[in-house]
């Protein structure tokens, strides 16, 4: 991604996609992505279907993915200097 941040490639750098992984701290994940200065970021739910549901951890309660995203929202909202927009939070 460092190459994408350099000229003449910066106009081609549209952003990053990140699949939510409940094993990783959401704020640490968000801050690690910000180090690459992406113009946008998007956090996706893991691929799942009826025969293969998304990974779940009972110790995280009944809404682990929402709780993970809420922590990202709080970090993003509390940082007015962040130049990265998060698609699911801004549209």
PDB file of N, CA and C in Angstrom:
ATOM      1  N   UNK A   1       0.801  -1.185   0.000  1.00  0.00           N
ATOM      2  CA  UNK A   1       0.000   0.000   0.000  1.00  0.00           C
ATOM      3  C   UNK A   1       0.852   1.261   0.000  1.00  0.00           C
ATOM      4  N   UNK A   2       2.086   1.135   0.422  1.00  0.00           N
ATOM      5  CA  UNK A   2       2.944   2.322   0.403  1.00  0.00           C
ATOM      6  C   UNK A   2       3.146   2.806  -1.031  1.00  0.00           C
ATOM      7  N   UNK A   3       3.222   1.869  -1.981  1.00  0.00           N
ATOM      8  CA  UNK A   3       3.361   2.255  -3.380  1.00  0.00           C
ATOM      9  C   UNK A   3       2.118   3.010  -3.854  1.00  0.00           C
ATOM     10  N   UNK A   4       0.943   2.564  -3.412  1.00  0.00           N
ATOM     11  CA  UNK A   4      -0.292   3.261  -3.797  1.00  0.00           C
ATOM     12  C   UNK A   4      -0.362   4.674  -3.233  1.00  0.00           C
ATOM     13  N   UNK A   5       0.316   4.923  -2.133  1.00  0.00           N
ATOM     14  CA  UNK A   5       0.318   6.260  -1.539  1.00  0.00           C
ATOM     15  C   UNK A   5       1.319   7.199  -2.198  1.00  0.00           C
ATOM     16  N   UNK A   6       2.138   6.677  -3.095  1.00  0.00           N
ATOM     17  CA  UNK A   6       3.136   7.528  -3.749  1.00  0.00           C
ATOM     18  C   UNK A   6       2.598   8.015  -5.096  1.00  0.00           C
ATOM     19  N   UNK A   7       3.160   9.121  -5.541  1.00  0.00           N
ATOM     20  CA  UNK A   7       2.799   9.626  -6.868  1.00  0.00           C
ATOM     21  C   UNK A   7       3.459   8.723  -7.890  1.00  0.00           C
ATOM     22  N   UNK A   8       2.893   8.423  -8.982  1.00  0.00           N
ATOM     23  CA  UNK A   8       1.643   8.910  -9.537  1.00  0.00           C
ATOM     24  C   UNK A   8       0.446   8.005  -9.222  1.00  0.00           C
ATOM     25  N   UNK A   9       0.592   7.104  -8.271  1.00  0.00           N
ATOM     26  CA  UNK A   9      -0.437   6.093  -8.031  1.00  0.00           C
ATOM     27  C   UNK A   9      -1.518   6.513  -7.045  1.00  0.00           C
ATOM     28  N   UNK A  10      -1.301   7.559  -6.272  1.00  0.00           N
ATOM     29  CA  UNK A  10      -2.272   7.962  -5.245  1.00  0.00           C
ATOM     30  C   UNK A  10      -3.691   8.129  -5.799  1.00  0.00           C
ATOM     31  N   UNK A  11      -3.884   8.687  -6.989  1.00  0.00           N
ATOM     32  CA  UNK A  11      -5.260   8.799  -7.512  1.00  0.00           C
ATOM     33  C   UNK A  11      -5.936   7.439  -7.731  1.00  0.00           C
ATOM     34  N   UNK A  12      -5.143   6.380  -7.827  1.00  0.00           N
ATOM     35  CA  UNK A  12      -5.709   5.049  -8.038  1.00  0.00           C
ATOM     36  C   UNK A  12      -6.114   4.366  -6.729  1.00  0.00           C
ATOM     37  N   UNK A  13      -5.648   4.885  -5.615  1.00  0.00           N
ATOM     38  CA  UNK A  13      -5.882   4.274  -4.305  1.00  0.00           C
ATOM     39  C   UNK A  13      -7.266   4.685  -3.812  1.00  0.00           C
ATOM     40  N   UNK A  14      -8.245   3.803  -4.001  1.00  0.00           N
ATOM     41  CA  UNK A  14      -9.626   4.125  -3.643  1.00  0.00           C
ATOM     42  C   UNK A  14      -9.926   3.841  -2.180  1.00  0.00           C
ATOM     43  N   UNK A  15      -9.190   2.922  -1.566  1.00  0.00           N
ATOM     44  CA  UNK A  15      -9.448   2.607  -0.162  1.00  0.00           C
ATOM     45  C   UNK A  15      -9.117   1.160   0.146  1.00  0.00           C
ATOM     46  N   UNK A  16      -9.524   0.749   1.344  1.00  0.00           N
ATOM     47  CA  UNK A  16      -9.242  -0.614   1.795  1.00  0.00           C
ATOM     48  C   UNK A  16     -10.526  -1.302   2.229  1.00  0.00           C
ATOM     49  N   UNK A  17     -10.539  -2.615   2.045  1.00  0.00           N
ATOM     50  CA  UNK A  17     -11.618  -3.465   2.532  1.00  0.00           C
ATOM     51  C   UNK A  17     -11.050  -4.323   3.648  1.00  0.00           C
ATOM     52  N   UNK A  18     -11.813  -4.475   4.698  1.00  0.00           N
ATOM     53  CA  UNK A  18     -11.363  -5.274   5.839  1.00  0.00           C
ATOM     54  C   UNK A  18     -12.518  -6.159   6.286  1.00  0.00           C
ATOM     55  N   UNK A  19     -12.295  -7.455   6.333  1.00  0.00           N
ATOM     56  CA  UNK A  19     -13.305  -8.365   6.860  1.00  0.00           C
ATOM     57  C   UNK A  19     -13.199  -8.400   8.371  1.00  0.00           C
ATOM     58  N   UNK A  20     -14.310  -8.258   9.040  1.00  0.00           N
ATOM     59  CA  UNK A  20     -14.331  -8.258  10.498  1.00  0.00           C
ATOM     60  C   UNK A  20     -13.862  -9.607  11.016  1.00  0.00           C
ATOM     61  N   UNK A  21     -12.919  -9.561  11.934  1.00  0.00           N
ATOM     62  CA  UNK A  21     -12.413 -10.757  12.604  1.00  0.00           C
ATOM     63  C   UNK A  21     -12.547 -10.514  14.102  1.00  0.00           C
ATOM     64  N   UNK A  22     -13.454 -11.227  14.725  1.00  0.00           N
ATOM     65  CA  UNK A  22     -13.737 -11.017  16.141  1.00  0.00           C
ATOM     66  C   UNK A  22     -12.549 -11.316  17.045  1.00  0.00           C
ATOM     67  N   UNK A  23     -11.555 -11.985  16.524  1.00  0.00           N
ATOM     68  CA  UNK A  23     -10.358 -12.300  17.311  1.00  0.00           C
ATOM     69  C   UNK A  23      -9.432 -11.094  17.443  1.00  0.00           C
ATOM     70  N   UNK A  24      -9.658 -10.072  16.620  1.00  0.00           N
ATOM     71  CA  UNK A  24      -8.800  -8.886  16.631  1.00  0.00           C
ATOM     72  C   UNK A  24      -9.524  -7.703  17.251  1.00  0.00           C
ATOM     73  N   UNK A  25      -8.778  -6.885  17.963  1.00  0.00           N
ATOM     74  CA  UNK A  25      -9.334  -5.696  18.574  1.00  0.00           C
ATOM     75  C   UNK A  25      -9.743  -4.722  17.474  1.00  0.00           C
ATOM     76  N   UNK A  26     -10.985  -4.246  17.482  1.00  0.00           N
ATOM     77  CA  UNK A  26     -11.438  -3.371  16.396  1.00  0.00           C
ATOM     78  C   UNK A  26     -10.707  -2.041  16.323  1.00  0.00           C
ATOM     79  N   UNK A  27     -10.399  -1.441  17.450  1.00  0.00           N
ATOM     80  CA  UNK A  27      -9.725  -0.139  17.428  1.00  0.00           C
ATOM     81  C   UNK A  27      -8.287  -0.292  16.945  1.00  0.00           C
ATOM     82  N   UNK A  28      -7.612  -1.343  17.375  1.00  0.00           N
ATOM     83  CA  UNK A  28      -6.252  -1.593  16.878  1.00  0.00           C
ATOM     84  C   UNK A  28      -6.276  -1.846  15.374  1.00  0.00           C
ATOM     85  N   UNK A  29      -7.268  -2.586  14.901  1.00  0.00           N
ATOM     86  CA  UNK A  29      -7.398  -2.852  13.467  1.00  0.00           C
ATOM     87  C   UNK A  29      -7.615  -1.553  12.706  1.00  0.00           C
ATOM     88  N   UNK A  30      -8.523  -0.729  13.192  1.00  0.00           N
ATOM     89  CA  UNK A  30      -8.823   0.563  12.560  1.00  0.00           C
ATOM     90  C   UNK A  30      -7.572   1.444  12.504  1.00  0.00           C
ATOM     91  N   UNK A  31      -6.873   1.541  13.605  1.00  0.00           N
ATOM     92  CA  UNK A  31      -5.672   2.393  13.632  1.00  0.00           C
ATOM     93  C   UNK A  31      -4.566   1.851  12.741  1.00  0.00           C
ATOM     94  N   UNK A  32      -4.449   0.534  12.654  1.00  0.00           N
ATOM     95  CA  UNK A  32      -3.444  -0.051  11.765  1.00  0.00           C
ATOM     96  C   UNK A  32      -3.760   0.282  10.310  1.00  0.00           C
ATOM     97  N   UNK A  33      -5.027   0.256   9.951  1.00  0.00           N
ATOM     98  CA  UNK A  33      -5.406   0.615   8.585  1.00  0.00           C
ATOM     99  C   UNK A  33      -5.159   2.092   8.305  1.00  0.00           C
ATOM    100  N   UNK A  34      -5.373   2.943   9.307  1.00  0.00           N
ATOM    101  CA  UNK A  34      -5.151   4.383   9.117  1.00  0.00           C
ATOM    102  C   UNK A  34      -3.694   4.717   8.828  1.00  0.00           C
ATOM    103  N   UNK A  35      -2.776   3.859   9.238  1.00  0.00           N
ATOM    104  CA  UNK A  35      -1.357   4.114   8.962  1.00  0.00           C
ATOM    105  C   UNK A  35      -1.078   4.177   7.465  1.00  0.00           C
ATOM    106  N   UNK A  36      -1.939   3.553   6.660  1.00  0.00           N
ATOM    107  CA  UNK A  36      -1.770   3.572   5.207  1.00  0.00           C
ATOM    108  C   UNK A  36      -2.467   4.766   4.557  1.00  0.00           C
ATOM    109  N   UNK A  37      -3.116   5.601   5.357  1.00  0.00           N
ATOM    110  CA  UNK A  37      -3.806   6.803   4.892  1.00  0.00           C
ATOM    111  C   UNK A  37      -4.779   6.520   3.736  1.00  0.00           C
ATOM    112  N   UNK A  38      -5.658   5.543   3.902  1.00  0.00           N
ATOM    113  CA  UNK A  38      -6.611   5.286   2.815  1.00  0.00           C
ATOM    114  C   UNK A  38      -7.675   6.371   2.764  1.00  0.00           C
ATOM    115  N   UNK A  39      -8.141   6.720   1.573  1.00  0.00           N
ATOM    116  CA  UNK A  39      -9.209   7.711   1.489  1.00  0.00           C
ATOM    117  C   UNK A  39     -10.522   7.174   2.066  1.00  0.00           C
ATOM    118  N   UNK A  40     -10.766   5.876   1.891  1.00  0.00           N
ATOM    119  CA  UNK A  40     -11.954   5.242   2.453  1.00  0.00           C
ATOM    120  C   UNK A  40     -11.592   3.876   3.018  1.00  0.00           C
ATOM    121  N   UNK A  41     -12.437   3.409   3.921  1.00  0.00           N
ATOM    122  CA  UNK A  41     -12.291   2.057   4.469  1.00  0.00           C
ATOM    123  C   UNK A  41     -13.678   1.452   4.561  1.00  0.00           C
ATOM    124  N   UNK A  42     -13.735   0.159   4.455  1.00  0.00           N
ATOM    125  CA  UNK A  42     -15.007  -0.533   4.598  1.00  0.00           C
ATOM    126  C   UNK A  42     -14.766  -1.799   5.396  1.00  0.00           C
ATOM    127  N   UNK A  43     -15.647  -2.055   6.328  1.00  0.00           N
ATOM    128  CA  UNK A  43     -15.558  -3.240   7.182  1.00  0.00           C
ATOM    129  C   UNK A  43     -16.695  -4.178   6.803  1.00  0.00           C
ATOM    130  N   UNK A  44     -16.319  -5.360   6.347  1.00  0.00           N
ATOM    131  CA  UNK A  44     -17.275  -6.318   5.823  1.00  0.00           C
ATOM    132  C   UNK A  44     -17.523  -7.448   6.809  1.00  0.00           C
ATOM    133  N   UNK A  45     -18.733  -7.965   6.794  1.00  0.00           N
ATOM    134  CA  UNK A  45     -19.031  -9.159   7.579  1.00  0.00           C
ATOM    135  C   UNK A  45     -18.376 -10.354   6.894  1.00  0.00           C
ATOM    136  N   UNK A  46     -17.992 -11.377   7.656  1.00  0.00           N
ATOM    137  CA  UNK A  46     -17.403 -12.557   7.029  1.00  0.00           C
ATOM    138  C   UNK A  46     -18.399 -13.228   6.090  1.00  0.00           C
ATOM    139  N   UNK A  47     -17.886 -13.851   5.059  1.00  0.00           N
ATOM    140  CA  UNK A  47     -18.737 -14.583   4.136  1.00  0.00           C
ATOM    141  C   UNK A  47     -19.401 -15.726   4.903  1.00  0.00           C
ATOM    142  N   UNK A  48     -20.696 -15.844   4.743  1.00  0.00           N
ATOM    143  CA  UNK A  48     -21.428 -16.888   5.459  1.00  0.00           C
ATOM    144  C   UNK A  48     -22.708 -17.219   4.702  1.00  0.00           C
ATOM    145  N   UNK A  49     -23.277 -18.349   5.033  1.00  0.00           N
ATOM    146  CA  UNK A  49     -24.578 -18.743   4.501  1.00  0.00           C
ATOM    147  C   UNK A  49     -25.243 -19.678   5.516  1.00  0.00           C
ATOM    148  N   UNK A  50     -26.402 -20.219   5.162  1.00  0.00           N
ATOM    149  CA  UNK A  50     -27.141 -21.041   6.120  1.00  0.00           C
ATOM    150  C   UNK A  50     -26.370 -22.287   6.524  1.00  0.00           C
ATOM    151  N   UNK A  51     -25.650 -22.884   5.596  1.00  0.00           N
ATOM    152  CA  UNK A  51     -24.924 -24.114   5.937  1.00  0.00           C
ATOM    153  C   UNK A  51     -23.580 -23.834   6.599  1.00  0.00           C
ATOM    154  N   UNK A  52     -23.101 -22.614   6.448  1.00  0.00           N
ATOM    155  CA  UNK A  52     -21.842 -22.237   7.096  1.00  0.00           C
ATOM    156  C   UNK A  52     -21.995 -20.836   7.683  1.00  0.00           C
ATOM    157  N   UNK A  53     -22.549 -20.743   8.898  1.00  0.00           N
ATOM    158  CA  UNK A  53     -22.774 -19.426   9.508  1.00  0.00           C
ATOM    159  C   UNK A  53     -21.454 -18.733   9.848  1.00  0.00           C
ATOM    160  N   UNK A  54     -21.503 -17.421  10.100  1.00  0.00           N
ATOM    161  CA  UNK A  54     -20.270 -16.697  10.427  1.00  0.00           C
ATOM    162  C   UNK A  54     -19.685 -17.180  11.755  1.00  0.00           C
ATOM    163  N   UNK A  55     -18.386 -17.024  11.908  1.00  0.00           N
ATOM    164  CA  UNK A  55     -17.766 -17.411  13.181  1.00  0.00           C
ATOM    165  C   UNK A  55     -18.415 -16.654  14.333  1.00  0.00           C
ATOM    166  N   UNK A  56     -18.590 -17.344  15.436  1.00  0.00           N
ATOM    167  CA  UNK A  56     -19.235 -16.727  16.587  1.00  0.00           C
ATOM    168  C   UNK A  56     -18.526 -17.104  17.857  1.00  0.00           C
ATOM    169  N   UNK A  57     -18.503 -16.199  18.773  1.00  0.00           N
ATOM    170  CA  UNK A  57     -17.918 -16.463  20.084  1.00  0.00           C
ATOM    171  C   UNK A  57     -18.978 -16.179  21.127  1.00  0.00           C
ATOM    172  N   UNK A  58     -19.503 -17.212  21.773  1.00  0.00           N
ATOM    173  CA  UNK A  58     -20.555 -17.012  22.770  1.00  0.00           C
ATOM    174  C   UNK A  58     -20.145 -16.070  23.902  1.00  0.00           C
ATOM    175  N   UNK A  59     -18.851 -15.998  24.178  1.00  0.00           N
ATOM    176  CA  UNK A  59     -18.388 -15.125  25.255  1.00  0.00           C
ATOM    177  C   UNK A  59     -18.509 -13.648  24.905  1.00  0.00           C
ATOM    178  N   UNK A  60     -18.821 -13.320  23.636  1.00  0.00           N
ATOM    179  CA  UNK A  60     -18.934 -11.922  23.215  1.00  0.00           C
ATOM    180  C   UNK A  60     -20.373 -11.423  23.181  1.00  0.00           C
ATOM    181  N   UNK A  61     -21.320 -12.210  23.637  1.00  0.00           N
ATOM    182  CA  UNK A  61     -22.705 -11.773  23.680  1.00  0.00           C
ATOM    183  C   UNK A  61     -23.463 -12.108  22.416  1.00  0.00           C
ATOM    184  N   UNK A  62     -24.651 -11.529  22.290  1.00  0.00           N
ATOM    185  CA  UNK A  62     -25.529 -11.883  21.181  1.00  0.00           C
ATOM    186  C   UNK A  62     -25.328 -11.018  19.932  1.00  0.00           C
ATOM    187  N   UNK A  63     -24.570  -9.932  20.033  1.00  0.00           N
ATOM    188  CA  UNK A  63     -24.349  -9.043  18.880  1.00  0.00           C
ATOM    189  C   UNK A  63     -22.867  -8.718  18.706  1.00  0.00           C
ATOM    190  N   UNK A  64     -22.017  -9.730  18.550  1.00  0.00           N
ATOM    191  CA  UNK A  64     -20.578  -9.455  18.520  1.00  0.00           C
ATOM    192  C   UNK A  64     -20.131  -8.591  17.348  1.00  0.00           C
ATOM    193  N   UNK A  65     -20.750  -8.749  16.181  1.00  0.00           N
ATOM    194  CA  UNK A  65     -20.324  -7.954  15.024  1.00  0.00           C
ATOM    195  C   UNK A  65     -20.757  -6.500  15.177  1.00  0.00           C
ATOM    196  N   UNK A  66     -21.946  -6.273  15.676  1.00  0.00           N
ATOM    197  CA  UNK A  66     -22.400  -4.900  15.939  1.00  0.00           C
ATOM    198  C   UNK A  66     -21.524  -4.242  16.999  1.00  0.00           C
ATOM    199  N   UNK A  67     -21.209  -4.983  18.048  1.00  0.00           N
ATOM    200  CA  UNK A  67     -20.365  -4.430  19.107  1.00  0.00           C
ATOM    201  C   UNK A  67     -18.980  -4.078  18.577  1.00  0.00           C
ATOM    202  N   UNK A  68     -18.443  -4.914  17.695  1.00  0.00           N
ATOM    203  CA  UNK A  68     -17.138  -4.669  17.076  1.00  0.00           C
ATOM    204  C   UNK A  68     -17.197  -3.368  16.276  1.00  0.00           C
ATOM    205  N   UNK A  69     -18.249  -3.210  15.469  1.00  0.00           N
ATOM    206  CA  UNK A  69     -18.389  -2.007  14.644  1.00  0.00           C
ATOM    207  C   UNK A  69     -18.665  -0.758  15.474  1.00  0.00           C
ATOM    208  N   UNK A  70     -19.360  -0.895  16.582  1.00  0.00           N
ATOM    209  CA  UNK A  70     -19.610   0.253  17.451  1.00  0.00           C
ATOM    210  C   UNK A  70     -18.303   0.812  17.987  1.00  0.00           C
ATOM    211  N   UNK A  71     -17.373  -0.050  18.327  1.00  0.00           N
ATOM    212  CA  UNK A  71     -16.068   0.420  18.812  1.00  0.00           C
ATOM    213  C   UNK A  71     -15.317   1.157  17.710  1.00  0.00           C
ATOM    214  N   UNK A  72     -15.433   0.687  16.471  1.00  0.00           N
ATOM    215  CA  UNK A  72     -14.831   1.399  15.327  1.00  0.00           C
ATOM    216  C   UNK A  72     -15.494   2.766  15.175  1.00  0.00           C
ATOM    217  N   UNK A  73     -16.819   2.796  15.236  1.00  0.00           N
ATOM    218  CA  UNK A  73     -17.535   4.062  15.105  1.00  0.00           C
ATOM    219  C   UNK A  73     -17.066   5.056  16.157  1.00  0.00           C
ATOM    220  N   UNK A  74     -16.987   4.622  17.391  1.00  0.00           N
ATOM    221  CA  UNK A  74     -16.570   5.528  18.469  1.00  0.00           C
ATOM    222  C   UNK A  74     -15.179   6.100  18.216  1.00  0.00           C
ATOM    223  N   UNK A  75     -14.244   5.247  17.779  1.00  0.00           N
ATOM    224  CA  UNK A  75     -12.882   5.719  17.499  1.00  0.00           C
ATOM    225  C   UNK A  75     -12.880   6.687  16.321  1.00  0.00           C
ATOM    226  N   UNK A  76     -13.639   6.377  15.281  1.00  0.00           N
ATOM    227  CA  UNK A  76     -13.717   7.227  14.092  1.00  0.00           C
ATOM    228  C   UNK A  76     -14.394   8.561  14.423  1.00  0.00           C
ATOM    229  N   UNK A  77     -15.485   8.521  15.147  1.00  0.00           N
ATOM    230  CA  UNK A  77     -16.247   9.720  15.475  1.00  0.00           C
ATOM    231  C   UNK A  77     -15.461  10.652  16.400  1.00  0.00           C
ATOM    232  N   UNK A  78     -14.691  10.074  17.304  1.00  0.00           N
ATOM    233  CA  UNK A  78     -13.922  10.866  18.263  1.00  0.00           C
ATOM    234  C   UNK A  78     -12.643  11.446  17.682  1.00  0.00           C
ATOM    235  N   UNK A  79     -12.325  11.107  16.425  1.00  0.00           N
ATOM    236  CA  UNK A  79     -11.104  11.592  15.792  1.00  0.00           C
ATOM    237  C   UNK A  79     -11.458  12.517  14.625  1.00  0.00           C
ATOM    238  N   UNK A  80     -11.719  13.797  14.910  1.00  0.00           N
ATOM    239  CA  UNK A  80     -12.129  14.706  13.839  1.00  0.00           C
ATOM    240  C   UNK A  80     -11.039  14.955  12.800  1.00  0.00           C
ATOM    241  N   UNK A  81      -9.802  14.624  13.121  1.00  0.00           N
ATOM    242  CA  UNK A  81      -8.707  14.855  12.177  1.00  0.00           C
ATOM    243  C   UNK A  81      -8.548  13.704  11.189  1.00  0.00           C
ATOM    244  N   UNK A  82      -9.227  12.605  11.427  1.00  0.00           N
ATOM    245  CA  UNK A  82      -9.084  11.452  10.531  1.00  0.00           C
ATOM    246  C   UNK A  82      -9.595  11.812   9.145  1.00  0.00           C
ATOM    247  N   UNK A  83      -8.771  11.576   8.148  1.00  0.00           N
ATOM    248  CA  UNK A  83      -9.145  11.898   6.774  1.00  0.00           C
ATOM    249  C   UNK A  83      -9.769  10.732   6.051  1.00  0.00           C
ATOM    250  N   UNK A  84      -9.962   9.627   6.722  1.00  0.00           N
ATOM    251  CA  UNK A  84     -10.525   8.436   6.104  1.00  0.00           C
ATOM    252  C   UNK A  84     -12.012   8.361   6.398  1.00  0.00           C
ATOM    253  N   UNK A  85     -12.789   8.187   5.355  1.00  0.00           N
ATOM    254  CA  UNK A  85     -14.219   7.971   5.574  1.00  0.00           C
ATOM    255  C   UNK A  85     -14.470   6.462   5.625  1.00  0.00           C
ATOM    256  N   UNK A  86     -15.478   6.089   6.363  1.00  0.00           N
ATOM    257  CA  UNK A  86     -15.854   4.680   6.468  1.00  0.00           C
ATOM    258  C   UNK A  86     -17.206   4.550   5.803  1.00  0.00           C
ATOM    259  N   UNK A  87     -17.233   3.788   4.730  1.00  0.00           N
ATOM    260  CA  UNK A  87     -18.423   3.723   3.873  1.00  0.00           C
ATOM    261  C   UNK A  87     -19.686   3.378   4.649  1.00  0.00           C
ATOM    262  N   UNK A  88     -19.635   2.393   5.504  1.00  0.00           N
ATOM    263  CA  UNK A  88     -20.841   1.984   6.219  1.00  0.00           C
ATOM    264  C   UNK A  88     -21.280   2.997   7.275  1.00  0.00           C
ATOM    265  N   UNK A  89     -20.421   3.960   7.605  1.00  0.00           N
ATOM    266  CA  UNK A  89     -20.772   4.963   8.604  1.00  0.00           C
ATOM    267  C   UNK A  89     -21.134   6.307   7.995  1.00  0.00           C
ATOM    268  N   UNK A  90     -20.787   6.509   6.740  1.00  0.00           N
ATOM    269  CA  UNK A  90     -21.007   7.811   6.128  1.00  0.00           C
ATOM    270  C   UNK A  90     -22.059   7.799   5.031  1.00  0.00           C
ATOM    271  N   UNK A  91     -22.599   6.631   4.699  1.00  0.00           N
ATOM    272  CA  UNK A  91     -23.618   6.598   3.646  1.00  0.00           C
ATOM    273  C   UNK A  91     -24.954   6.198   4.188  1.00  0.00           C
TER     274      UNK A  91
END
